[in-house]
Structure formats: C-alpha cells, structure tokens
Protein backbone atom coordinates (compact mmCIF):
# COMPACT_ATOMS: atom_id res chain seq x y z
CA VAL A 1 24.49 4.35 8.67
CA TYR A 2 22.86 3.12 11.86
CA ALA A 3 19.84 4.52 13.67
CA GLY A 4 21.01 3.94 17.23
CA SER A 5 19.22 6.16 19.74
CA ILE A 6 17.74 8.85 17.52
CA PRO A 7 14.84 11.11 18.52
CA THR A 8 11.71 10.73 16.42
CA GLN A 9 9.40 13.53 15.32
CA ALA A 10 7.22 12.86 18.35
CA SER A 11 9.86 14.64 20.43
CA ILE A 12 10.10 17.56 18.00
CA PHE A 13 6.51 18.50 17.12
CA SER A 14 3.32 19.02 19.07
CA PRO A 15 0.44 17.24 17.29
CA ASP A 16 -2.02 19.93 18.34
CA ALA A 17 0.11 22.61 16.71
CA MET A 18 0.42 20.89 13.36
CA ASN A 19 -1.46 21.77 10.20
CA PRO A 20 0.81 20.10 7.68
CA SER A 21 0.94 21.02 4.03
CA LEU A 22 0.28 17.89 1.99
CA ALA A 23 1.40 16.50 -1.37
CA LEU A 24 -0.01 13.44 -3.10
CA ILE A 25 2.50 11.55 -5.26
CA VAL A 26 0.80 9.46 -7.98
CA SER A 27 2.92 6.96 -9.91
CA THR A 28 1.96 6.03 -13.47
CA TYR A 29 3.22 4.30 -16.60
CA ASN A 30 1.27 4.15 -19.88
CA GLN A 31 -2.21 3.78 -18.36
CA PRO A 32 -3.88 7.02 -19.53
CA ASP A 33 -7.45 5.72 -19.14
CA TYR A 34 -6.81 4.62 -15.55
CA LEU A 35 -4.98 7.86 -14.76
CA ASP A 36 -7.90 9.88 -16.15
CA ARG A 37 -10.29 8.18 -13.73
CA CYS A 38 -7.75 8.50 -10.91
CA LEU A 39 -7.39 12.27 -11.41
CA PHE A 40 -11.14 12.70 -11.78
CA ALA A 41 -11.64 11.11 -8.37
CA LEU A 42 -8.91 13.34 -6.90
CA SER A 43 -10.72 16.41 -8.26
CA ARG A 44 -13.67 15.50 -6.05
CA GLN A 45 -11.91 15.27 -2.69
CA SER A 46 -13.63 16.78 0.35
CA ASP A 47 -10.22 18.23 1.32
CA SER A 48 -8.80 20.00 -1.72
CA ASP A 49 -5.84 21.66 0.01
CA PHE A 50 -3.12 19.43 -1.45
CA GLU A 51 -0.59 19.34 -4.25
CA ILE A 52 -0.48 16.52 -6.83
CA LEU A 53 2.77 15.30 -8.33
CA ILE A 54 2.52 12.75 -11.15
CA ALA A 55 5.50 10.38 -10.95
CA ASP A 56 5.65 9.33 -14.60
CA ASP A 57 8.09 6.50 -15.34
CA GLY A 58 8.39 7.21 -19.07
CA SER A 59 4.81 7.19 -20.38
CA ARG A 60 3.95 8.14 -23.94
CA GLU A 61 2.22 11.30 -25.15
CA GLU A 62 -1.28 10.05 -24.31
CA THR A 63 -0.50 10.34 -20.60
CA ARG A 64 0.68 13.94 -20.93
CA ILE A 65 -2.55 14.81 -22.75
CA VAL A 66 -4.62 13.37 -19.88
CA ILE A 67 -2.61 15.29 -17.29
CA ASP A 68 -2.89 18.54 -19.24
CA SER A 69 -6.67 18.12 -19.41
CA TYR A 70 -6.74 18.62 -15.62
CA ARG A 71 -4.58 21.77 -15.55
CA ASP A 72 -7.59 24.10 -15.32
CA ILE A 73 -9.14 21.99 -12.54
CA PHE A 74 -6.09 21.73 -10.29
CA ARG A 75 -4.35 24.89 -11.56
CA ASN A 76 -0.99 25.35 -9.84
CA ARG A 77 -1.53 22.28 -7.62
CA LEU A 78 -0.61 19.80 -10.39
CA LYS A 79 2.97 18.91 -11.39
CA HIS A 80 4.12 16.34 -13.95
CA GLU A 81 7.49 14.76 -13.27
CA TRP A 82 8.58 12.61 -16.24
CA GLN A 83 11.66 10.52 -16.98
CA ALA A 84 12.66 8.56 -20.08
CA ASP A 85 11.48 4.96 -20.36
CA LYS A 86 14.51 2.83 -19.47
CA GLY A 87 12.70 -0.02 -17.78
CA PHE A 88 10.99 -0.07 -14.38
CA ARG A 89 12.49 2.87 -12.48
CA LYS A 90 9.62 3.79 -10.19
CA THR A 91 11.85 4.48 -7.19
CA ARG A 92 13.83 7.06 -9.13
CA ILE A 93 10.77 9.01 -10.29
CA LEU A 94 9.28 8.88 -6.79
CA ASN A 95 12.49 10.42 -5.50
CA ARG A 96 12.27 13.14 -8.14
CA CYS A 97 8.80 13.99 -6.85
CA ILE A 98 10.03 14.11 -3.24
CA LEU A 99 12.68 16.59 -4.36
CA ALA A 100 10.10 18.58 -6.36
CA THR A 101 7.89 19.43 -3.39
CA ASP A 102 8.41 21.12 -0.05
CA ALA A 103 5.16 19.83 1.46
CA ASP A 104 5.38 18.65 5.06
CA TYR A 105 3.50 15.40 4.54
CA LEU A 106 3.60 13.01 1.58
CA VAL A 107 0.84 10.60 0.56
CA PHE A 108 1.68 7.97 -2.05
CA THR A 109 -0.67 6.18 -4.44
CA ASP A 110 -0.77 4.78 -7.98
CA GLY A 111 -2.54 6.00 -11.10
CA ASP A 112 -4.65 2.84 -11.22
CA CYS A 113 -6.38 3.71 -7.93
CA ILE A 114 -9.69 5.52 -7.41
CA ALA A 115 -9.74 7.56 -4.21
CA HIS A 116 -12.79 7.82 -1.99
CA PRO A 117 -13.84 11.49 -1.58
CA ASP A 118 -12.48 11.51 1.99
CA PHE A 119 -9.15 9.86 1.12
CA ILE A 120 -7.02 12.98 1.53
CA ALA A 121 -9.00 14.19 4.55
CA GLU A 122 -8.46 10.89 6.34
CA HIS A 123 -4.72 10.88 5.64
CA ARG A 124 -4.38 14.46 6.87
CA ARG A 125 -6.42 13.70 9.99
CA ALA A 126 -4.21 10.69 10.74
CA ALA A 127 -0.83 12.42 10.30
CA THR A 128 1.12 11.61 13.46
CA PRO A 129 4.61 12.75 14.53
CA GLY A 130 7.11 9.91 14.66
CA ALA A 131 4.98 7.61 12.51
CA TYR A 132 4.11 6.70 8.96
CA ARG A 133 0.65 5.54 7.93
CA ASN A 134 -0.01 2.26 6.17
CA GLY A 135 -3.16 2.02 4.07
CA ALA A 136 -4.89 -0.64 2.03
CA ILE A 137 -6.57 -1.04 -1.36
CA ILE A 138 -9.81 -2.70 -2.41
CA ARG A 139 -8.79 -4.86 -5.36
CA LEU A 140 -11.39 -5.09 -8.11
CA SER A 141 -11.82 -7.76 -10.75
CA ASP A 142 -11.23 -6.99 -14.41
CA GLY A 143 -14.95 -6.89 -15.15
CA LEU A 144 -15.75 -4.65 -12.20
CA SER A 145 -12.84 -2.35 -13.07
CA ARG A 146 -14.47 -1.63 -16.44
CA GLU A 147 -17.63 -0.50 -14.62
CA ILE A 148 -15.76 2.19 -12.65
CA THR A 149 -16.74 5.10 -14.89
CA LYS A 150 -16.42 8.83 -14.29
CA PRO A 151 -20.21 9.34 -13.91
CA ARG A 152 -20.27 6.60 -11.28
CA ILE A 153 -17.29 8.16 -9.53
CA GLU A 154 -19.06 11.53 -9.62
CA ASP A 155 -22.25 10.24 -7.98
CA GLU A 156 -20.19 7.99 -5.65
CA THR A 157 -21.93 4.79 -6.78
CA VAL A 158 -18.54 3.07 -6.98
CA PHE A 159 -18.11 3.43 -3.21
CA ASP A 160 -21.42 1.71 -2.46
CA SER A 161 -20.63 -1.80 -1.24
CA ARG A 162 -24.06 -3.03 -2.35
CA TRP A 163 -23.49 -1.81 -5.92
CA LEU A 164 -20.00 -3.33 -5.96
CA SER A 165 -21.34 -6.69 -4.77
CA LYS A 166 -24.25 -6.73 -7.21
CA THR A 167 -22.10 -5.68 -10.18
CA ASP A 168 -19.34 -8.18 -9.45
CA GLY A 169 -21.70 -10.97 -8.50
CA HIS A 170 -20.31 -11.67 -5.05
CA TRP A 171 -19.47 -10.10 -1.69
CA ASN A 172 -15.87 -9.14 -0.93
CA ARG A 173 -14.95 -8.73 2.74
CA ARG A 174 -12.83 -5.70 1.78
CA TYR A 175 -16.10 -3.84 1.12
CA LEU A 176 -16.48 -3.59 4.89
CA LYS A 177 -14.05 -0.67 4.64
CA LEU A 178 -16.84 1.17 2.82
CA SER A 179 -19.89 -0.07 4.70
CA LEU A 180 -19.04 -0.20 8.41
CA PRO A 181 -19.84 2.90 10.53
CA LEU A 182 -17.03 5.47 10.52
CA LYS A 183 -16.47 5.37 14.29
CA LEU A 184 -16.07 1.60 14.16
CA ARG A 185 -13.61 1.87 11.29
CA GLN A 186 -11.63 4.50 13.18
CA TRP A 187 -11.54 2.16 16.18
CA LEU A 188 -10.30 -0.65 13.93
CA ASN A 189 -7.48 1.60 12.69
CA GLY A 190 -6.33 1.88 16.29
CA HIS A 191 -6.55 -1.87 16.90
CA PRO A 192 -4.92 -3.49 13.84
CA THR A 193 -4.65 -7.25 13.60
CA ALA A 194 -2.78 -7.39 10.27
CA LYS A 195 0.94 -6.77 9.92
CA LEU A 196 1.60 -3.14 8.98
CA TYR A 197 4.03 -2.38 6.19
CA TRP A 198 4.68 0.29 3.58
CA LEU A 199 2.21 -0.17 0.71
CA GLY A 200 3.23 1.93 -2.27
CA SER A 201 -0.34 2.37 -3.50
CA ASN A 202 -1.59 3.76 -0.18
CA SER A 203 0.83 4.98 2.47
CA ALA A 204 2.01 8.31 3.86
CA CYS A 205 5.01 9.73 5.72
CA TRP A 206 6.56 13.01 6.74
CA ARG A 207 8.83 14.42 4.06
CA SER A 208 11.50 15.02 6.70
CA ASP A 209 11.50 11.28 7.48
CA ALA A 210 11.78 10.45 3.77
CA LEU A 211 14.77 12.79 3.59
CA ASP A 212 16.34 11.20 6.69
CA VAL A 213 16.30 7.72 5.13
CA ASN A 214 17.55 9.10 1.78
CA GLY A 215 14.27 8.28 0.04
CA PHE A 216 13.68 5.21 -2.07
CA ASP A 217 16.62 3.17 -3.33
CA ASN A 218 17.18 3.91 -7.04
CA ARG A 219 18.78 0.50 -7.57
CA PHE A 220 15.46 -1.33 -7.29
CA SER A 221 13.35 -2.43 -10.21
CA TYR A 222 9.94 -4.07 -9.62
CA GLY A 223 9.78 -6.06 -6.42
CA PHE A 224 10.41 -5.24 -2.72
CA GLU A 225 11.16 -1.57 -3.39
CA ASP A 226 8.31 -0.60 -1.06
CA GLY A 227 9.38 -3.08 1.61
CA ASP A 228 12.91 -1.72 1.56
CA PHE A 229 11.65 1.84 2.13
CA GLY A 230 9.34 0.77 4.95
CA ASN A 231 12.05 -1.29 6.65
CA ARG A 232 14.42 1.65 6.62
CA LEU A 233 11.75 3.94 8.10
CA ALA A 234 11.31 1.38 10.88
CA ASN A 235 15.07 1.18 11.41
CA ARG A 236 15.09 4.98 11.70
CA GLY A 237 12.62 4.65 14.59
CA ILE A 238 9.47 5.62 12.67
CA GLU A 239 6.42 3.73 13.94
CA ALA A 240 3.97 2.05 11.55
CA LEU A 241 0.33 3.04 12.16
CA THR A 242 -2.62 2.49 9.84
CA VAL A 243 -5.52 4.14 8.01
CA ARG A 244 -6.49 0.94 6.21
CA TRP A 245 -10.12 1.22 7.38
CA THR A 246 -10.75 4.88 6.56
CA ALA A 247 -8.48 6.14 3.72
CA ASN A 248 -10.07 4.03 1.00
CA LEU A 249 -8.97 3.33 -2.56
CA LEU A 250 -10.39 1.13 -5.29
CA HIS A 251 -7.67 -0.63 -7.29
CA LEU A 252 -8.36 -1.20 -11.00
CA ASP A 253 -7.24 -4.58 -12.28
CA HIS A 254 -4.26 -4.90 -14.65
CA GLY A 255 -1.38 -7.17 -15.56
CA ARG A 256 2.27 -6.76 -14.57
CA PRO A 257 4.34 -7.29 -17.72
CA TYR A 258 7.26 -5.44 -16.12
CA ARG A 259 7.89 -8.21 -13.58
CA ASN A 260 11.17 -10.00 -14.20
CA GLU A 261 11.83 -13.01 -11.99
CA ASP A 262 15.62 -12.60 -11.96
CA GLU A 263 15.35 -8.94 -10.94
CA TYR A 264 12.63 -9.82 -8.44
CA GLN A 265 14.98 -12.23 -6.66
CA ARG A 266 17.86 -9.74 -6.88
CA ASN A 267 15.68 -7.13 -5.17
CA LEU A 268 14.68 -9.59 -2.47
CA ALA A 269 18.35 -10.19 -1.67
CA MET A 270 19.06 -6.44 -1.74
CA GLN A 271 16.18 -5.45 0.55
CA THR A 272 17.29 -3.82 3.79
CA PRO A 273 16.40 -6.07 6.74
CA ARG A 274 14.12 -4.61 9.37
CA GLU A 275 16.02 -4.57 12.65
CA GLU A 276 16.26 -2.20 15.58
CA GLY A 277 19.29 0.04 15.16
CA GLY A 278 19.78 -1.21 11.61
CA VAL A 279 20.71 0.52 8.38
CA TYR A 280 18.22 3.23 7.49
CA ARG A 281 19.73 5.26 4.62
CA ALA A 282 19.38 4.18 1.00
CA VAL A 283 22.65 3.32 -0.73
CA ASP A 284 21.53 5.13 -3.90
CA GLY A 285 18.70 7.50 -3.03
CA LEU A 286 17.71 11.14 -2.91
CA ASP A 287 21.18 12.56 -2.37
CA GLU A 288 22.65 10.59 -5.26
CA LEU A 289 19.75 11.52 -7.55
CA ARG A 290 20.09 15.20 -6.64
CA SER A 291 23.77 15.07 -7.53
CA SER A 292 23.11 13.40 -10.90
CA LEU A 293 20.39 15.90 -11.81
CA SER A 294 22.73 18.81 -11.12
CA ASP A 295 25.54 17.44 -13.30
C-alpha cells in the first residue's frame, strides 16, 4: 500500500477544538520491581485523566500481583493485557493494547521507566494533528537505578539533577532536561538538532494514525520494531515532532538477554524503508491480529 497524496490529520481537526482522550501503553516482561516503581510514578501525575494499559509479553505471576496492587489507586483506568511467553513478541502485545482502547491519543513507554510528574501533561499539551511526538529517556547507571526508590519518587528527589549527579558521582548532560527553565526547554522542543525517530520507551501518536498504518508489525522480534513503525508513520505523511526536553523519563538500567543477533539482522532487513510515498501498512499488524483473536 502506498501513501501517495493523502491528507493528514492537520486537514481534518482544528487544534483549538481538541481535548483528546489519552491512553498510556506500558510494555513489560518479568520486571515486577521496576514495574512497581513505574506505576507508583504514574500514580503521581499532575494530569490524572488517562487510561493505563499494561502490555505484558508473558510475565509470571509476580507481575500480575504488582498490577493488582494498583487497582484501587487507578480503579477502572488500569487494564492488564497479557499473552503467553513465546519469545520476544512486544509488537503483538502492543497491538493488543491498541485494540483494547478507544482513546484518541496513545503514549507509549516501558515498565522500566520512571515518569516525571508532568510527563502525561506534557504529552497531552504537545498533541498535534498530523504529527507524532518523539521523546527521550534519561539513562541511569545500575548503581543509580537502585537508588530510585518509591519514597524518593514521592518527594521528587529523583528528578533533581543535583541529587542525580551527587549520587552517581558525575554530571550527565541529559540532566539538562530536568534543570533548564521550562520555557527554554519548550523552545528547544521547537528547534530540535537531533534526528527525530519513534522511540518505543517515549513516543506518542494518534490512535487513528496507528490504525491507518496497521499498527506494529507482528513479525518483528527485538530490534528495529520501533524504527519500522516510525518509518511507516512518516511514509503515511505523519510529521515527527518532539517533546524530548519536557516529557521526561528516567530509565532504569538492565540487561537485554532477549537480543538474538540473527533475529536482529533479520529485522534490520525487514524494516520498512522511510521514503516519501512509500509503504505504510504493516504486513502483519492490527488487522491480522484482530482476525486471529476472533478465530
């Protein structure tokens, strides 16, 4: 399927008239301690008008227990989408979450990320017709990750660049995302110097655009699955904008035992190229998943 000359959402919606409903999709796999801290941070958002869908790629019982412990906090705003563990199938469970919500706007992150209290508010404020929003993460060392406790999330110590620097023993330029004045960071969002791309741990798009490109491609294992989705959004005519300076996340350190070099190279070869008027629908995506779930 080719994009050709297709109108974007900018020609359909008036930005001033929009107050989009929002869903946050959080991917996880057997990291209950990280997910506990992730959900705790999400319970403290300045904007609480959002749904949470946990995209669980086959975690064990410990993860369900953590999720259930937040039922009273989030009430009917929390959904747990689970699939059996058959290897890395993140794209498939993300697609299940897209099908499980009717929210207008979708924000994506991972269960090893700690959201700043204004994370959701900044994504909602930045929602723009005809565009998706690229974000960024502040990667923490293993030692610093262990210091990101729930009490420190509650009193917001973990978002203090001075505390981060002192605790880790050095300054990280990414801490500027937490320390520069807000107006300057907003200006920097509008004047990006880095290449913008879909980052699975911090990006957002309109659900209608995700449906148009047939979601994520279920054929992908770990590697380039995010790039493929972002390239197809671009081929559809969806512009990449950023919130990398204002919608902040701390990323807890961990290994990647699920990486397989042969599959990584296979995914690289399978990735949809980014080209004007190029292919924009996933070969095996939302439609195919919907059909298999109804069988």
